[in-house]
């Protein structure tokens, strides 16, 4: 008899936890959840601002620079030129400098008219015509470890221009790594 009570109590607890979890998943997100599929403007803006496919401007030791919606620094490769699909990058290079793929939305401080993509089967995000990249060794929002590498990789300012000053070292091992 007590075995049945434990089983029923356990099932009730699992059902309650599942119901709470499902309740947290619904409700008014920008992807159509909730009763009418509409989200408030504030909810939509918060969702866009935190999404990696958003390009926004953030304050850094190098001034205002472009980051994605999660705060990860975006870079340009000076040899790319503008709106190019011809980066000569092997597998090792792509692992270290992964492209920012897709068409991002404009976030705080960025200019929507400067956002675009390259042509091709896997469009890469561009800003002011420059294809955008991440640096794999940037682990936290605000890291600037790719700044100035080989004199060809740089962060961009809100106008889409390469910021060519050196990033300050903040973590004692010679790598820049300013995080906010």
C-alpha atoms as a PDB file:
ATOM      1  CA  UNK A   1       0.000   0.000   0.000  1.00  0.00           C
ATOM      2  CA  UNK A   2       2.744   2.485   0.902  1.00  0.00           C
ATOM      3  CA  UNK A   3       4.487   1.565  -2.328  1.00  0.00           C
ATOM      4  CA  UNK A   4       1.469   2.787  -4.307  1.00  0.00           C
ATOM      5  CA  UNK A   5       1.416   6.079  -2.393  1.00  0.00           C
ATOM      6  CA  UNK A   6       5.078   6.699  -3.139  1.00  0.00           C
ATOM      7  CA  UNK A   7       4.518   5.951  -6.820  1.00  0.00           C
ATOM      8  CA  UNK A   8       1.479   8.213  -7.041  1.00  0.00           C
ATOM      9  CA  UNK A   9       3.264  10.958  -5.095  1.00  0.00           C
ATOM     10  CA  UNK A  10       6.306  10.632  -7.356  1.00  0.00           C
ATOM     11  CA  UNK A  11       4.129  10.797 -10.466  1.00  0.00           C
ATOM     12  CA  UNK A  12       2.329  13.864  -9.088  1.00  0.00           C
ATOM     13  CA  UNK A  13       5.649  15.605  -8.424  1.00  0.00           C
ATOM     14  CA  UNK A  14       6.925  14.833 -11.929  1.00  0.00           C
ATOM     15  CA  UNK A  15       3.656  16.082 -13.456  1.00  0.00           C
ATOM     16  CA  UNK A  16       3.837  19.311 -11.416  1.00  0.00           C
ATOM     17  CA  UNK A  17       7.441  19.972 -12.472  1.00  0.00           C
ATOM     18  CA  UNK A  18       6.580  19.263 -16.124  1.00  0.00           C
ATOM     19  CA  UNK A  19       3.602  21.632 -15.959  1.00  0.00           C
ATOM     20  CA  UNK A  20       5.751  24.405 -14.510  1.00  0.00           C
ATOM     21  CA  UNK A  21       8.380  23.831 -17.190  1.00  0.00           C
ATOM     22  CA  UNK A  22       5.803  24.037 -19.961  1.00  0.00           C
ATOM     23  CA  UNK A  23       4.280  27.156 -18.458  1.00  0.00           C
ATOM     24  CA  UNK A  24       7.718  28.799 -18.623  1.00  0.00           C
ATOM     25  CA  UNK A  25       8.043  27.927 -22.320  1.00  0.00           C
ATOM     26  CA  UNK A  26       4.853  29.605 -23.489  1.00  0.00           C
ATOM     27  CA  UNK A  27       3.711  33.135 -23.450  1.00  0.00           C
ATOM     28  CA  UNK A  28       4.347  35.948 -25.827  1.00  0.00           C
ATOM     29  CA  UNK A  29       7.822  35.344 -27.238  1.00  0.00           C
ATOM     30  CA  UNK A  30       8.757  36.764 -30.602  1.00  0.00           C
ATOM     31  CA  UNK A  31       8.441  33.304 -32.138  1.00  0.00           C
ATOM     32  CA  UNK A  32       4.667  33.113 -31.843  1.00  0.00           C
ATOM     33  CA  UNK A  33       4.158  31.630 -28.379  1.00  0.00           C
ATOM     34  CA  UNK A  34       1.333  32.839 -26.191  1.00  0.00           C
ATOM     35  CA  UNK A  35      -2.355  33.337 -26.740  1.00  0.00           C
ATOM     36  CA  UNK A  36      -2.302  35.686 -29.723  1.00  0.00           C
ATOM     37  CA  UNK A  37       1.219  35.115 -31.101  1.00  0.00           C
ATOM     38  CA  UNK A  38       2.171  38.768 -30.535  1.00  0.00           C
ATOM     39  CA  UNK A  39       4.942  39.936 -28.236  1.00  0.00           C
ATOM     40  CA  UNK A  40       5.283  43.341 -26.704  1.00  0.00           C
ATOM     41  CA  UNK A  41       7.748  45.703 -28.334  1.00  0.00           C
ATOM     42  CA  UNK A  42       9.971  45.591 -25.239  1.00  0.00           C
ATOM     43  CA  UNK A  43      10.038  41.775 -25.303  1.00  0.00           C
ATOM     44  CA  UNK A  44      10.889  41.725 -29.007  1.00  0.00           C
ATOM     45  CA  UNK A  45      13.659  44.299 -28.578  1.00  0.00           C
ATOM     46  CA  UNK A  46      15.143  42.408 -25.620  1.00  0.00           C
ATOM     47  CA  UNK A  47      15.030  39.175 -27.617  1.00  0.00           C
ATOM     48  CA  UNK A  48      16.717  40.797 -30.640  1.00  0.00           C
ATOM     49  CA  UNK A  49      19.366  42.533 -28.535  1.00  0.00           C
ATOM     50  CA  UNK A  50      20.440  39.270 -26.911  1.00  0.00           C
ATOM     51  CA  UNK A  51      20.467  37.192 -30.078  1.00  0.00           C
ATOM     52  CA  UNK A  52      23.871  36.423 -31.600  1.00  0.00           C
ATOM     53  CA  UNK A  53      22.616  37.453 -35.052  1.00  0.00           C
ATOM     54  CA  UNK A  54      22.239  41.039 -33.902  1.00  0.00           C
ATOM     55  CA  UNK A  55      24.980  43.548 -34.655  1.00  0.00           C
ATOM     56  CA  UNK A  56      25.191  46.281 -32.054  1.00  0.00           C
ATOM     57  CA  UNK A  57      27.708  48.785 -30.750  1.00  0.00           C
ATOM     58  CA  UNK A  58      29.350  48.314 -27.371  1.00  0.00           C
ATOM     59  CA  UNK A  59      31.843  50.330 -25.361  1.00  0.00           C
ATOM     60  CA  UNK A  60      35.329  48.801 -25.102  1.00  0.00           C
ATOM     61  CA  UNK A  61      38.893  49.917 -24.299  1.00  0.00           C
ATOM     62  CA  UNK A  62      39.178  50.600 -28.052  1.00  0.00           C
ATOM     63  CA  UNK A  63      36.110  52.851 -28.064  1.00  0.00           C
ATOM     64  CA  UNK A  64      32.733  51.893 -29.468  1.00  0.00           C
ATOM     65  CA  UNK A  65      33.019  48.660 -31.459  1.00  0.00           C
ATOM     66  CA  UNK A  66      30.724  46.141 -33.133  1.00  0.00           C
ATOM     67  CA  UNK A  67      29.639  43.071 -31.208  1.00  0.00           C
ATOM     68  CA  UNK A  68      26.916  40.510 -31.700  1.00  0.00           C
ATOM     69  CA  UNK A  69      23.785  40.302 -29.575  1.00  0.00           C
ATOM     70  CA  UNK A  70      25.589  38.312 -26.883  1.00  0.00           C
ATOM     71  CA  UNK A  71      28.475  40.804 -26.665  1.00  0.00           C
ATOM     72  CA  UNK A  72      31.016  38.766 -28.652  1.00  0.00           C
ATOM     73  CA  UNK A  73      33.439  40.934 -30.587  1.00  0.00           C
ATOM     74  CA  UNK A  74      33.179  41.012 -34.389  1.00  0.00           C
ATOM     75  CA  UNK A  75      36.247  41.409 -36.615  1.00  0.00           C
ATOM     76  CA  UNK A  76      37.092  42.201 -40.217  1.00  0.00           C
ATOM     77  CA  UNK A  77      39.874  40.654 -42.311  1.00  0.00           C
ATOM     78  CA  UNK A  78      41.595  43.477 -44.209  1.00  0.00           C
ATOM     79  CA  UNK A  79      42.493  41.241 -47.151  1.00  0.00           C
ATOM     80  CA  UNK A  80      38.796  40.525 -47.789  1.00  0.00           C
ATOM     81  CA  UNK A  81      38.032  43.853 -49.354  1.00  0.00           C
ATOM     82  CA  UNK A  82      34.328  44.578 -49.474  1.00  0.00           C
ATOM     83  CA  UNK A  83      31.449  42.175 -50.112  1.00  0.00           C
ATOM     84  CA  UNK A  84      33.704  39.313 -51.077  1.00  0.00           C
ATOM     85  CA  UNK A  85      33.121  35.576 -51.012  1.00  0.00           C
ATOM     86  CA  UNK A  86      36.728  34.782 -51.822  1.00  0.00           C
ATOM     87  CA  UNK A  87      38.512  34.636 -48.486  1.00  0.00           C
ATOM     88  CA  UNK A  88      41.442  32.275 -48.866  1.00  0.00           C
ATOM     89  CA  UNK A  89      41.045  30.428 -45.589  1.00  0.00           C
ATOM     90  CA  UNK A  90      41.753  26.743 -45.026  1.00  0.00           C
ATOM     91  CA  UNK A  91      40.093  24.561 -42.375  1.00  0.00           C
ATOM     92  CA  UNK A  92      42.519  25.630 -39.631  1.00  0.00           C
ATOM     93  CA  UNK A  93      41.954  29.291 -40.460  1.00  0.00           C
ATOM     94  CA  UNK A  94      38.158  28.891 -40.439  1.00  0.00           C
ATOM     95  CA  UNK A  95      38.372  27.142 -37.082  1.00  0.00           C
ATOM     96  CA  UNK A  96      40.277  30.113 -35.628  1.00  0.00           C
ATOM     97  CA  UNK A  97      38.241  32.784 -37.479  1.00  0.00           C
ATOM     98  CA  UNK A  98      34.688  31.468 -37.930  1.00  0.00           C
ATOM     99  CA  UNK A  99      32.453  33.675 -40.050  1.00  0.00           C
ATOM    100  CA  UNK A 100      29.407  35.397 -38.599  1.00  0.00           C
ATOM    101  CA  UNK A 101      26.808  33.684 -40.744  1.00  0.00           C
ATOM    102  CA  UNK A 102      23.370  34.822 -41.807  1.00  0.00           C
ATOM    103  CA  UNK A 103      21.751  38.244 -42.022  1.00  0.00           C
ATOM    104  CA  UNK A 104      21.817  39.951 -38.639  1.00  0.00           C
ATOM    105  CA  UNK A 105      19.449  42.605 -37.392  1.00  0.00           C
ATOM    106  CA  UNK A 106      20.557  46.052 -36.315  1.00  0.00           C
ATOM    107  CA  UNK A 107      20.939  46.441 -32.572  1.00  0.00           C
ATOM    108  CA  UNK A 108      21.686  49.415 -30.375  1.00  0.00           C
ATOM    109  CA  UNK A 109      24.030  51.923 -32.014  1.00  0.00           C
ATOM    110  CA  UNK A 110      24.486  50.063 -35.308  1.00  0.00           C
ATOM    111  CA  UNK A 111      23.291  51.365 -38.654  1.00  0.00           C
ATOM    112  CA  UNK A 112      20.777  49.013 -40.304  1.00  0.00           C
ATOM    113  CA  UNK A 113      21.664  50.346 -43.753  1.00  0.00           C
ATOM    114  CA  UNK A 114      25.264  49.137 -43.288  1.00  0.00           C
ATOM    115  CA  UNK A 115      24.229  45.535 -42.503  1.00  0.00           C
ATOM    116  CA  UNK A 116      24.220  43.018 -45.325  1.00  0.00           C
ATOM    117  CA  UNK A 117      25.451  39.600 -46.380  1.00  0.00           C
ATOM    118  CA  UNK A 118      27.811  38.061 -48.871  1.00  0.00           C
ATOM    119  CA  UNK A 119      26.356  36.059 -51.743  1.00  0.00           C
ATOM    120  CA  UNK A 120      26.493  32.282 -51.762  1.00  0.00           C
ATOM    121  CA  UNK A 121      25.016  29.179 -50.220  1.00  0.00           C
ATOM    122  CA  UNK A 122      26.027  30.179 -46.677  1.00  0.00           C
ATOM    123  CA  UNK A 123      25.665  33.977 -46.510  1.00  0.00           C
ATOM    124  CA  UNK A 124      28.082  35.714 -44.186  1.00  0.00           C
ATOM    125  CA  UNK A 125      27.096  38.842 -42.276  1.00  0.00           C
ATOM    126  CA  UNK A 126      28.693  42.068 -43.456  1.00  0.00           C
ATOM    127  CA  UNK A 127      28.876  45.566 -42.048  1.00  0.00           C
ATOM    128  CA  UNK A 128      29.746  48.499 -44.322  1.00  0.00           C
ATOM    129  CA  UNK A 129      30.587  45.825 -46.882  1.00  0.00           C
ATOM    130  CA  UNK A 130      33.126  44.005 -44.692  1.00  0.00           C
ATOM    131  CA  UNK A 131      32.468  40.312 -43.989  1.00  0.00           C
ATOM    132  CA  UNK A 132      32.352  39.737 -40.218  1.00  0.00           C
ATOM    133  CA  UNK A 133      34.213  37.115 -38.203  1.00  0.00           C
ATOM    134  CA  UNK A 134      34.618  35.899 -34.650  1.00  0.00           C
ATOM    135  CA  UNK A 135      37.955  34.986 -33.075  1.00  0.00           C
ATOM    136  CA  UNK A 136      37.808  31.525 -31.512  1.00  0.00           C
ATOM    137  CA  UNK A 137      40.039  32.481 -28.568  1.00  0.00           C
ATOM    138  CA  UNK A 138      37.602  35.208 -27.503  1.00  0.00           C
ATOM    139  CA  UNK A 139      35.764  33.259 -24.823  1.00  0.00           C
ATOM    140  CA  UNK A 140      33.719  35.937 -23.069  1.00  0.00           C
ATOM    141  CA  UNK A 141      31.718  38.965 -24.162  1.00  0.00           C
ATOM    142  CA  UNK A 142      34.096  41.882 -24.615  1.00  0.00           C
ATOM    143  CA  UNK A 143      37.229  39.796 -25.254  1.00  0.00           C
ATOM    144  CA  UNK A 144      39.523  41.482 -27.794  1.00  0.00           C
ATOM    145  CA  UNK A 145      42.158  38.768 -28.212  1.00  0.00           C
ATOM    146  CA  UNK A 146      41.973  38.871 -32.018  1.00  0.00           C
ATOM    147  CA  UNK A 147      42.622  42.597 -32.286  1.00  0.00           C
ATOM    148  CA  UNK A 148      45.513  43.402 -34.627  1.00  0.00           C
ATOM    149  CA  UNK A 149      46.627  39.801 -35.186  1.00  0.00           C
ATOM    150  CA  UNK A 150      49.138  39.687 -38.046  1.00  0.00           C
ATOM    151  CA  UNK A 151      48.256  43.313 -38.822  1.00  0.00           C
ATOM    152  CA  UNK A 152      45.201  42.107 -40.768  1.00  0.00           C
ATOM    153  CA  UNK A 153      42.435  41.351 -38.212  1.00  0.00           C
ATOM    154  CA  UNK A 154      40.671  44.267 -36.541  1.00  0.00           C
ATOM    155  CA  UNK A 155      37.503  45.223 -34.706  1.00  0.00           C
ATOM    156  CA  UNK A 156      35.165  47.682 -36.410  1.00  0.00           C
ATOM    157  CA  UNK A 157      33.646  50.910 -35.161  1.00  0.00           C
ATOM    158  CA  UNK A 158      30.007  51.960 -35.716  1.00  0.00           C
ATOM    159  CA  UNK A 159      30.918  53.450 -39.116  1.00  0.00           C
ATOM    160  CA  UNK A 160      32.336  50.092 -40.258  1.00  0.00           C
ATOM    161  CA  UNK A 161      35.950  51.245 -40.216  1.00  0.00           C
ATOM    162  CA  UNK A 162      38.774  49.089 -38.854  1.00  0.00           C
ATOM    163  CA  UNK A 163      40.018  50.224 -35.438  1.00  0.00           C
ATOM    164  CA  UNK A 164      43.776  49.738 -35.716  1.00  0.00           C
ATOM    165  CA  UNK A 165      44.963  50.641 -32.211  1.00  0.00           C
ATOM    166  CA  UNK A 166      46.304  47.846 -30.029  1.00  0.00           C
ATOM    167  CA  UNK A 167      44.040  46.344 -27.404  1.00  0.00           C
ATOM    168  CA  UNK A 168      45.297  46.799 -23.851  1.00  0.00           C
ATOM    169  CA  UNK A 169      46.400  43.688 -22.017  1.00  0.00           C
ATOM    170  CA  UNK A 170      44.209  43.149 -18.980  1.00  0.00           C
ATOM    171  CA  UNK A 171      44.754  39.552 -17.937  1.00  0.00           C
ATOM    172  CA  UNK A 172      48.500  39.456 -17.293  1.00  0.00           C
ATOM    173  CA  UNK A 173      49.445  36.851 -19.899  1.00  0.00           C
ATOM    174  CA  UNK A 174      49.920  39.168 -22.859  1.00  0.00           C
ATOM    175  CA  UNK A 175      46.512  38.470 -24.350  1.00  0.00           C
ATOM    176  CA  UNK A 176      43.988  41.240 -24.299  1.00  0.00           C
ATOM    177  CA  UNK A 177      40.819  40.039 -22.727  1.00  0.00           C
ATOM    178  CA  UNK A 178      38.717  42.912 -21.577  1.00  0.00           C
ATOM    179  CA  UNK A 179      35.332  41.611 -20.530  1.00  0.00           C
ATOM    180  CA  UNK A 180      32.209  43.448 -19.531  1.00  0.00           C
END
